[in-house]
Amino acid sequence: MDLETINNGRIANDGTGDTPRDAWGKQNRNNAKLKAAAQTALDAAGAVVGGAAAATAAAAAAQAVLNGGVVPASMAPRRLQFLDALEASGAGRVATLAAAVPSDPGDPVNRAYQHTLFVTASCRLAVFARATLGLTDAAFAAILDAARTLQD
């Protein structure tokens, strides 16, 4: 894919870079190319016979891009979507969870809290959240469902 490079100039405000109007024009054209590429990937993944797991995941990821960040029901929500839904389900839940995270950056719970990309019912962050907040499986499933509808 041939994306346009925005010229930043040699140093700040030296007049050798693109004007803001030209730079944003390039950005808009690049975004259109990326969206078209995501749609092509989605179409190609949907054409795979048998619905291989990798093709399904790729299709779901591409669909999330095209949906403006809303995650399809077949895909796990992202961490920030999960935390937003968790807070919406009860004020102060994210603060309670954050306060319970061990301060040691090498601790598995700390790593899960800081670095989980997608939240599934069985991931370490989910297990920690359910245990810390006393969430039932049904309540946790409702939070995950709500998280899929949020944009991050």
N, C-alpha and C. Protein backbone atom coordinates (compact mmCIF):
# COMPACT_ATOMS: atom_id res chain seq x y z
N MET A 1 0.85 -1.17 0.00
CA MET A 1 0.00 0.00 0.00
C MET A 1 0.90 1.23 0.00
N ASP A 2 0.60 2.18 -0.85
CA ASP A 2 1.40 3.37 -0.99
C ASP A 2 0.75 4.51 -0.21
N LEU A 3 1.27 4.79 1.00
CA LEU A 3 0.75 5.88 1.82
C LEU A 3 1.59 7.13 1.61
N GLU A 4 0.95 8.28 1.72
CA GLU A 4 1.64 9.55 1.55
C GLU A 4 2.36 9.93 2.85
N THR A 5 3.57 10.42 2.72
CA THR A 5 4.35 10.85 3.88
C THR A 5 4.14 12.33 4.11
N ILE A 6 3.88 12.69 5.33
CA ILE A 6 3.72 14.09 5.70
C ILE A 6 5.11 14.64 6.00
N ASN A 7 5.47 15.72 5.31
CA ASN A 7 6.78 16.34 5.46
C ASN A 7 6.74 17.26 6.68
N ASN A 8 7.49 16.90 7.73
CA ASN A 8 7.53 17.69 8.95
C ASN A 8 8.55 18.83 8.88
N GLY A 9 9.36 18.88 7.83
CA GLY A 9 10.41 19.89 7.74
C GLY A 9 11.66 19.40 8.45
N ARG A 10 12.69 20.22 8.37
CA ARG A 10 13.95 19.84 9.00
C ARG A 10 13.95 20.14 10.49
N ILE A 11 13.44 21.32 10.86
CA ILE A 11 13.30 21.70 12.27
C ILE A 11 11.96 22.42 12.40
N ALA A 12 11.49 22.55 13.62
CA ALA A 12 10.18 23.16 13.86
C ALA A 12 10.11 24.57 13.28
N ASN A 13 9.01 24.84 12.57
CA ASN A 13 8.70 26.18 12.06
C ASN A 13 9.74 26.74 11.10
N ASP A 14 10.45 25.87 10.35
CA ASP A 14 11.44 26.38 9.41
C ASP A 14 10.84 26.62 8.02
N GLY A 15 9.56 26.31 7.84
CA GLY A 15 8.89 26.57 6.58
C GLY A 15 9.16 25.55 5.49
N THR A 16 9.88 24.46 5.80
CA THR A 16 10.20 23.47 4.77
C THR A 16 9.23 22.30 4.74
N GLY A 17 8.34 22.19 5.73
CA GLY A 17 7.40 21.07 5.77
C GLY A 17 6.10 21.40 5.08
N ASP A 18 5.20 20.40 5.06
CA ASP A 18 3.87 20.60 4.49
C ASP A 18 3.09 21.61 5.33
N THR A 19 2.20 22.34 4.66
CA THR A 19 1.29 23.22 5.39
C THR A 19 0.31 22.34 6.15
N PRO A 20 -0.33 22.88 7.18
CA PRO A 20 -1.33 22.06 7.89
C PRO A 20 -2.42 21.53 6.95
N ARG A 21 -2.87 22.35 6.02
CA ARG A 21 -3.91 21.92 5.09
C ARG A 21 -3.43 20.75 4.23
N ASP A 22 -2.20 20.84 3.72
CA ASP A 22 -1.65 19.75 2.91
C ASP A 22 -1.45 18.48 3.74
N ALA A 23 -0.95 18.67 4.98
CA ALA A 23 -0.69 17.52 5.85
C ALA A 23 -1.99 16.79 6.18
N TRP A 24 -3.05 17.53 6.50
CA TRP A 24 -4.33 16.88 6.83
C TRP A 24 -4.96 16.26 5.59
N GLY A 25 -4.73 16.85 4.45
CA GLY A 25 -5.21 16.22 3.22
C GLY A 25 -4.55 14.87 3.00
N LYS A 26 -3.24 14.82 3.22
CA LYS A 26 -2.52 13.54 3.11
C LYS A 26 -3.05 12.54 4.14
N GLN A 27 -3.29 13.02 5.35
CA GLN A 27 -3.80 12.14 6.40
C GLN A 27 -5.17 11.57 6.03
N ASN A 28 -6.04 12.41 5.51
CA ASN A 28 -7.37 11.94 5.10
C ASN A 28 -7.28 10.91 3.98
N ARG A 29 -6.40 11.14 3.01
CA ARG A 29 -6.24 10.17 1.93
C ARG A 29 -5.65 8.86 2.45
N ASN A 30 -4.69 8.94 3.37
CA ASN A 30 -4.12 7.74 3.98
C ASN A 30 -5.19 6.96 4.73
N ASN A 31 -6.03 7.67 5.49
CA ASN A 31 -7.12 7.00 6.22
C ASN A 31 -8.06 6.28 5.27
N ALA A 32 -8.38 6.90 4.15
CA ALA A 32 -9.27 6.27 3.17
C ALA A 32 -8.63 5.00 2.61
N LYS A 33 -7.32 5.05 2.33
CA LYS A 33 -6.63 3.86 1.83
C LYS A 33 -6.62 2.75 2.87
N LEU A 34 -6.39 3.10 4.13
CA LEU A 34 -6.37 2.09 5.20
C LEU A 34 -7.75 1.48 5.40
N LYS A 35 -8.79 2.30 5.34
CA LYS A 35 -10.15 1.78 5.49
C LYS A 35 -10.48 0.84 4.33
N ALA A 36 -10.07 1.21 3.12
CA ALA A 36 -10.31 0.34 1.97
C ALA A 36 -9.56 -0.98 2.12
N ALA A 37 -8.34 -0.91 2.65
CA ALA A 37 -7.56 -2.14 2.86
C ALA A 37 -8.21 -3.02 3.91
N ALA A 38 -8.75 -2.40 4.97
CA ALA A 38 -9.44 -3.18 6.00
C ALA A 38 -10.69 -3.85 5.43
N GLN A 39 -11.41 -3.14 4.58
CA GLN A 39 -12.60 -3.72 3.95
C GLN A 39 -12.21 -4.88 3.05
N THR A 40 -11.11 -4.73 2.32
CA THR A 40 -10.63 -5.81 1.46
C THR A 40 -10.26 -7.03 2.29
N ALA A 41 -9.59 -6.81 3.44
CA ALA A 41 -9.23 -7.92 4.32
C ALA A 41 -10.47 -8.59 4.88
N LEU A 42 -11.46 -7.78 5.23
CA LEU A 42 -12.72 -8.33 5.74
C LEU A 42 -13.41 -9.17 4.68
N ASP A 43 -13.46 -8.66 3.46
CA ASP A 43 -14.09 -9.41 2.37
C ASP A 43 -13.35 -10.71 2.10
N ALA A 44 -12.02 -10.65 2.12
CA ALA A 44 -11.22 -11.85 1.86
C ALA A 44 -11.39 -12.88 2.97
N ALA A 45 -11.42 -12.41 4.22
CA ALA A 45 -11.59 -13.33 5.34
C ALA A 45 -12.97 -13.97 5.30
N GLY A 46 -13.97 -13.20 4.88
CA GLY A 46 -15.32 -13.75 4.80
C GLY A 46 -15.47 -14.76 3.69
N ALA A 47 -14.57 -14.73 2.72
CA ALA A 47 -14.64 -15.65 1.59
C ALA A 47 -14.00 -17.00 1.88
N VAL A 48 -13.30 -17.10 3.02
CA VAL A 48 -12.63 -18.35 3.36
C VAL A 48 -13.69 -19.40 3.68
N VAL A 49 -13.63 -20.52 2.99
CA VAL A 49 -14.59 -21.60 3.20
C VAL A 49 -14.24 -22.33 4.48
N GLY A 50 -15.24 -22.65 5.28
CA GLY A 50 -15.01 -23.40 6.51
C GLY A 50 -14.82 -22.52 7.72
N GLY A 51 -14.64 -21.23 7.55
CA GLY A 51 -14.53 -20.30 8.68
C GLY A 51 -13.38 -20.62 9.61
N ALA A 52 -12.17 -20.71 9.10
CA ALA A 52 -11.00 -20.99 9.93
C ALA A 52 -10.90 -19.95 11.03
N ALA A 53 -10.40 -20.35 12.20
CA ALA A 53 -10.34 -19.46 13.36
C ALA A 53 -9.55 -18.19 13.07
N ALA A 54 -8.43 -18.31 12.37
CA ALA A 54 -7.61 -17.13 12.08
C ALA A 54 -8.37 -16.17 11.16
N ALA A 55 -9.06 -16.72 10.18
CA ALA A 55 -9.83 -15.87 9.27
C ALA A 55 -10.97 -15.19 10.01
N THR A 56 -11.59 -15.90 10.94
CA THR A 56 -12.68 -15.32 11.72
C THR A 56 -12.17 -14.18 12.59
N ALA A 57 -11.02 -14.38 13.23
CA ALA A 57 -10.44 -13.34 14.07
C ALA A 57 -10.05 -12.13 13.23
N ALA A 58 -9.47 -12.38 12.06
CA ALA A 58 -9.08 -11.26 11.18
C ALA A 58 -10.31 -10.50 10.72
N ALA A 59 -11.37 -11.22 10.40
CA ALA A 59 -12.60 -10.57 9.96
C ALA A 59 -13.20 -9.73 11.08
N ALA A 60 -13.18 -10.27 12.30
CA ALA A 60 -13.74 -9.53 13.43
C ALA A 60 -12.92 -8.27 13.71
N ALA A 61 -11.59 -8.39 13.62
CA ALA A 61 -10.74 -7.22 13.84
C ALA A 61 -10.97 -6.16 12.78
N ALA A 62 -11.06 -6.58 11.54
CA ALA A 62 -11.32 -5.63 10.45
C ALA A 62 -12.69 -4.99 10.62
N GLN A 63 -13.68 -5.77 11.02
CA GLN A 63 -15.01 -5.22 11.23
C GLN A 63 -15.02 -4.21 12.35
N ALA A 64 -14.24 -4.45 13.41
CA ALA A 64 -14.15 -3.50 14.51
C ALA A 64 -13.58 -2.17 14.02
N VAL A 65 -12.57 -2.23 13.14
CA VAL A 65 -12.01 -1.00 12.57
C VAL A 65 -13.08 -0.25 11.79
N LEU A 66 -13.82 -0.98 10.98
CA LEU A 66 -14.83 -0.36 10.14
C LEU A 66 -16.02 0.14 10.95
N ASN A 67 -16.27 -0.46 12.10
CA ASN A 67 -17.39 -0.05 12.95
C ASN A 67 -17.01 1.09 13.90
N GLY A 68 -15.87 1.68 13.71
CA GLY A 68 -15.46 2.79 14.57
C GLY A 68 -15.05 2.35 15.96
N GLY A 69 -14.58 1.11 16.12
CA GLY A 69 -14.11 0.65 17.41
C GLY A 69 -15.07 -0.25 18.15
N VAL A 70 -16.32 -0.37 17.70
CA VAL A 70 -17.28 -1.25 18.36
C VAL A 70 -16.93 -2.69 18.00
N VAL A 71 -16.81 -3.53 19.00
CA VAL A 71 -16.34 -4.90 18.82
C VAL A 71 -17.52 -5.84 18.54
N PRO A 72 -17.43 -6.67 17.51
CA PRO A 72 -18.48 -7.65 17.25
C PRO A 72 -18.61 -8.62 18.43
N ALA A 73 -19.79 -9.20 18.59
CA ALA A 73 -20.04 -10.11 19.71
C ALA A 73 -19.11 -11.32 19.70
N SER A 74 -18.58 -11.66 18.53
CA SER A 74 -17.71 -12.83 18.44
C SER A 74 -16.28 -12.55 18.89
N MET A 75 -15.97 -11.29 19.23
CA MET A 75 -14.60 -10.91 19.57
C MET A 75 -14.55 -10.34 20.99
N ALA A 76 -13.45 -10.58 21.70
CA ALA A 76 -13.29 -10.06 23.05
C ALA A 76 -13.10 -8.55 23.02
N PRO A 77 -13.68 -7.84 23.99
CA PRO A 77 -13.48 -6.38 24.04
C PRO A 77 -12.05 -6.04 24.47
N ARG A 78 -11.64 -4.83 24.12
CA ARG A 78 -10.32 -4.36 24.52
C ARG A 78 -10.35 -3.93 25.99
N ARG A 79 -9.17 -3.84 26.58
CA ARG A 79 -9.03 -3.55 28.01
C ARG A 79 -9.77 -2.27 28.42
N LEU A 80 -9.58 -1.18 27.68
CA LEU A 80 -10.22 0.07 28.08
C LEU A 80 -11.74 -0.01 27.96
N GLN A 81 -12.24 -0.74 26.97
CA GLN A 81 -13.68 -0.95 26.87
C GLN A 81 -14.18 -1.70 28.10
N PHE A 82 -13.43 -2.74 28.49
CA PHE A 82 -13.80 -3.52 29.68
C PHE A 82 -13.82 -2.63 30.91
N LEU A 83 -12.77 -1.83 31.13
CA LEU A 83 -12.72 -0.98 32.32
C LEU A 83 -13.84 0.05 32.33
N ASP A 84 -14.18 0.61 31.18
CA ASP A 84 -15.29 1.56 31.11
C ASP A 84 -16.61 0.88 31.46
N ALA A 85 -16.83 -0.32 30.94
CA ALA A 85 -18.06 -1.06 31.25
C ALA A 85 -18.10 -1.48 32.71
N LEU A 86 -16.94 -1.84 33.26
CA LEU A 86 -16.86 -2.21 34.67
C LEU A 86 -17.26 -1.04 35.56
N GLU A 87 -16.77 0.14 35.25
CA GLU A 87 -17.12 1.33 36.03
C GLU A 87 -18.59 1.68 35.86
N ALA A 88 -19.11 1.52 34.65
CA ALA A 88 -20.53 1.81 34.41
C ALA A 88 -21.43 0.83 35.18
N SER A 89 -20.93 -0.35 35.46
CA SER A 89 -21.73 -1.35 36.17
C SER A 89 -21.77 -1.08 37.67
N GLY A 90 -20.90 -0.24 38.16
CA GLY A 90 -20.89 0.12 39.58
C GLY A 90 -19.80 1.13 39.85
N ALA A 91 -20.20 2.30 40.31
CA ALA A 91 -19.24 3.38 40.55
C ALA A 91 -18.17 2.95 41.54
N GLY A 92 -16.93 3.22 41.21
CA GLY A 92 -15.81 2.92 42.08
C GLY A 92 -15.18 1.56 41.87
N ARG A 93 -15.75 0.76 40.98
CA ARG A 93 -15.21 -0.59 40.78
C ARG A 93 -13.80 -0.56 40.19
N VAL A 94 -13.55 0.35 39.26
CA VAL A 94 -12.21 0.41 38.66
C VAL A 94 -11.19 0.86 39.70
N ALA A 95 -11.55 1.81 40.54
CA ALA A 95 -10.64 2.28 41.59
C ALA A 95 -10.35 1.15 42.58
N THR A 96 -11.38 0.39 42.94
CA THR A 96 -11.19 -0.74 43.86
C THR A 96 -10.26 -1.77 43.23
N LEU A 97 -10.48 -2.06 41.97
CA LEU A 97 -9.64 -3.03 41.27
C LEU A 97 -8.19 -2.53 41.19
N ALA A 98 -8.01 -1.27 40.81
CA ALA A 98 -6.67 -0.70 40.68
C ALA A 98 -5.93 -0.71 42.02
N ALA A 99 -6.65 -0.43 43.11
CA ALA A 99 -6.03 -0.41 44.43
C ALA A 99 -5.56 -1.80 44.87
N ALA A 100 -6.20 -2.83 44.35
CA ALA A 100 -5.85 -4.20 44.73
C ALA A 100 -4.71 -4.78 43.89
N VAL A 101 -4.29 -4.07 42.84
CA VAL A 101 -3.22 -4.57 41.97
C VAL A 101 -1.88 -4.48 42.72
N PRO A 102 -1.12 -5.58 42.77
CA PRO A 102 0.19 -5.53 43.42
C PRO A 102 1.10 -4.50 42.75
N SER A 103 1.92 -3.81 43.55
CA SER A 103 2.77 -2.75 43.01
C SER A 103 3.98 -3.29 42.24
N ASP A 104 4.33 -4.54 42.45
CA ASP A 104 5.48 -5.13 41.77
C ASP A 104 5.17 -5.30 40.28
N PRO A 105 5.90 -4.59 39.39
CA PRO A 105 5.61 -4.70 37.95
C PRO A 105 5.85 -6.09 37.39
N GLY A 106 6.58 -6.94 38.11
CA GLY A 106 6.81 -8.30 37.66
C GLY A 106 5.71 -9.27 38.08
N ASP A 107 4.83 -8.82 38.96
CA ASP A 107 3.74 -9.68 39.42
C ASP A 107 2.78 -9.97 38.26
N PRO A 108 2.35 -11.22 38.11
CA PRO A 108 1.46 -11.56 37.00
C PRO A 108 0.15 -10.76 36.98
N VAL A 109 -0.39 -10.44 38.14
CA VAL A 109 -1.63 -9.66 38.18
C VAL A 109 -1.36 -8.22 37.73
N ASN A 110 -0.24 -7.66 38.17
CA ASN A 110 0.13 -6.31 37.73
C ASN A 110 0.30 -6.27 36.22
N ARG A 111 1.02 -7.27 35.68
CA ARG A 111 1.22 -7.32 34.23
C ARG A 111 -0.11 -7.47 33.50
N ALA A 112 -1.00 -8.29 34.05
CA ALA A 112 -2.31 -8.47 33.42
C ALA A 112 -3.10 -7.17 33.44
N TYR A 113 -3.08 -6.48 34.57
CA TYR A 113 -3.84 -5.23 34.68
C TYR A 113 -3.29 -4.16 33.74
N GLN A 114 -1.98 -4.09 33.63
CA GLN A 114 -1.34 -3.05 32.83
C GLN A 114 -1.29 -3.36 31.34
N HIS A 115 -1.21 -4.65 30.97
CA HIS A 115 -0.87 -4.98 29.59
C HIS A 115 -1.86 -5.87 28.85
N THR A 116 -2.97 -6.26 29.47
CA THR A 116 -3.94 -7.08 28.75
C THR A 116 -4.50 -6.28 27.58
N LEU A 117 -4.54 -6.88 26.41
CA LEU A 117 -5.10 -6.20 25.24
C LEU A 117 -6.58 -6.50 25.08
N PHE A 118 -6.93 -7.77 25.13
CA PHE A 118 -8.32 -8.20 24.97
C PHE A 118 -8.73 -8.96 26.22
N VAL A 119 -9.94 -8.69 26.71
CA VAL A 119 -10.42 -9.32 27.94
C VAL A 119 -11.39 -10.44 27.59
N THR A 120 -11.02 -11.65 28.00
CA THR A 120 -11.89 -12.81 27.85
C THR A 120 -12.30 -13.27 29.24
N ALA A 121 -13.31 -14.11 29.32
CA ALA A 121 -13.81 -14.56 30.60
C ALA A 121 -12.76 -15.32 31.41
N SER A 122 -11.77 -15.90 30.72
CA SER A 122 -10.79 -16.72 31.44
C SER A 122 -9.40 -16.07 31.54
N CYS A 123 -9.23 -14.86 31.04
CA CYS A 123 -7.90 -14.24 31.13
C CYS A 123 -7.60 -13.84 32.58
N ARG A 124 -6.31 -13.63 32.87
CA ARG A 124 -5.90 -13.33 34.24
C ARG A 124 -6.59 -12.07 34.78
N LEU A 125 -6.74 -11.04 33.96
CA LEU A 125 -7.40 -9.82 34.40
C LEU A 125 -8.86 -10.10 34.79
N ALA A 126 -9.54 -10.92 34.02
CA ALA A 126 -10.94 -11.26 34.31
C ALA A 126 -11.05 -12.04 35.61
N VAL A 127 -10.18 -13.02 35.79
CA VAL A 127 -10.19 -13.83 37.02
C VAL A 127 -9.93 -12.93 38.23
N PHE A 128 -8.96 -12.03 38.11
CA PHE A 128 -8.63 -11.09 39.18
C PHE A 128 -9.81 -10.17 39.48
N ALA A 129 -10.45 -9.63 38.44
CA ALA A 129 -11.58 -8.72 38.64
C ALA A 129 -12.75 -9.43 39.32
N ARG A 130 -13.07 -10.64 38.86
CA ARG A 130 -14.19 -11.39 39.46
C ARG A 130 -13.91 -11.68 40.93
N ALA A 131 -12.69 -12.11 41.24
CA ALA A 131 -12.36 -12.45 42.63
C ALA A 131 -12.32 -11.20 43.51
N THR A 132 -11.72 -10.14 43.02
CA THR A 132 -11.57 -8.91 43.81
C THR A 132 -12.91 -8.24 44.07
N LEU A 133 -13.77 -8.21 43.05
CA LEU A 133 -15.04 -7.50 43.17
C LEU A 133 -16.21 -8.42 43.51
N GLY A 134 -15.97 -9.72 43.60
CA GLY A 134 -17.03 -10.66 43.94
C GLY A 134 -18.11 -10.74 42.88
N LEU A 135 -17.73 -10.66 41.63
CA LEU A 135 -18.70 -10.70 40.53
C LEU A 135 -19.10 -12.13 40.21
N THR A 136 -20.38 -12.33 39.97
CA THR A 136 -20.86 -13.63 39.52
C THR A 136 -20.51 -13.80 38.05
N ASP A 137 -20.58 -15.03 37.57
CA ASP A 137 -20.32 -15.27 36.15
C ASP A 137 -21.30 -14.50 35.28
N ALA A 138 -22.57 -14.46 35.70
CA ALA A 138 -23.59 -13.75 34.93
C ALA A 138 -23.32 -12.25 34.90
N ALA A 139 -22.93 -11.69 36.04
CA ALA A 139 -22.63 -10.25 36.10
C ALA A 139 -21.41 -9.92 35.24
N PHE A 140 -20.41 -10.81 35.31
CA PHE A 140 -19.21 -10.58 34.51
C PHE A 140 -19.52 -10.67 33.02
N ALA A 141 -20.33 -11.65 32.63
CA ALA A 141 -20.71 -11.79 31.22
C ALA A 141 -21.45 -10.56 30.73
N ALA A 142 -22.31 -9.99 31.58
CA ALA A 142 -23.04 -8.78 31.21
C ALA A 142 -22.08 -7.60 31.02
N ILE A 143 -21.05 -7.53 31.84
CA ILE A 143 -20.06 -6.46 31.71
C ILE A 143 -19.28 -6.62 30.40
N LEU A 144 -18.89 -7.84 30.07
CA LEU A 144 -18.19 -8.08 28.80
C LEU A 144 -19.09 -7.71 27.62
N ASP A 145 -20.37 -8.09 27.68
CA ASP A 145 -21.30 -7.74 26.60
C ASP A 145 -21.43 -6.23 26.46
N ALA A 146 -21.53 -5.53 27.60
CA ALA A 146 -21.62 -4.06 27.57
C ALA A 146 -20.35 -3.46 27.01
N ALA A 147 -19.21 -4.04 27.34
CA ALA A 147 -17.91 -3.50 26.90
C ALA A 147 -17.79 -3.56 25.37
N ARG A 148 -18.36 -4.60 24.76
CA ARG A 148 -18.28 -4.73 23.30
C ARG A 148 -18.99 -3.58 22.57
N THR A 149 -19.95 -2.96 23.23
CA THR A 149 -20.72 -1.90 22.58
C THR A 149 -20.07 -0.51 22.74
N LEU A 150 -19.02 -0.43 23.55
CA LEU A 150 -18.38 0.86 23.81
C LEU A 150 -17.24 1.12 22.84
N GLN A 151 -17.05 2.37 22.50
CA GLN A 151 -15.88 2.76 21.71
C GLN A 151 -14.80 3.17 22.68
N ASP A 152 -13.54 2.84 22.34
CA ASP A 152 -12.45 3.26 23.22
C ASP A 152 -11.56 4.26 22.54
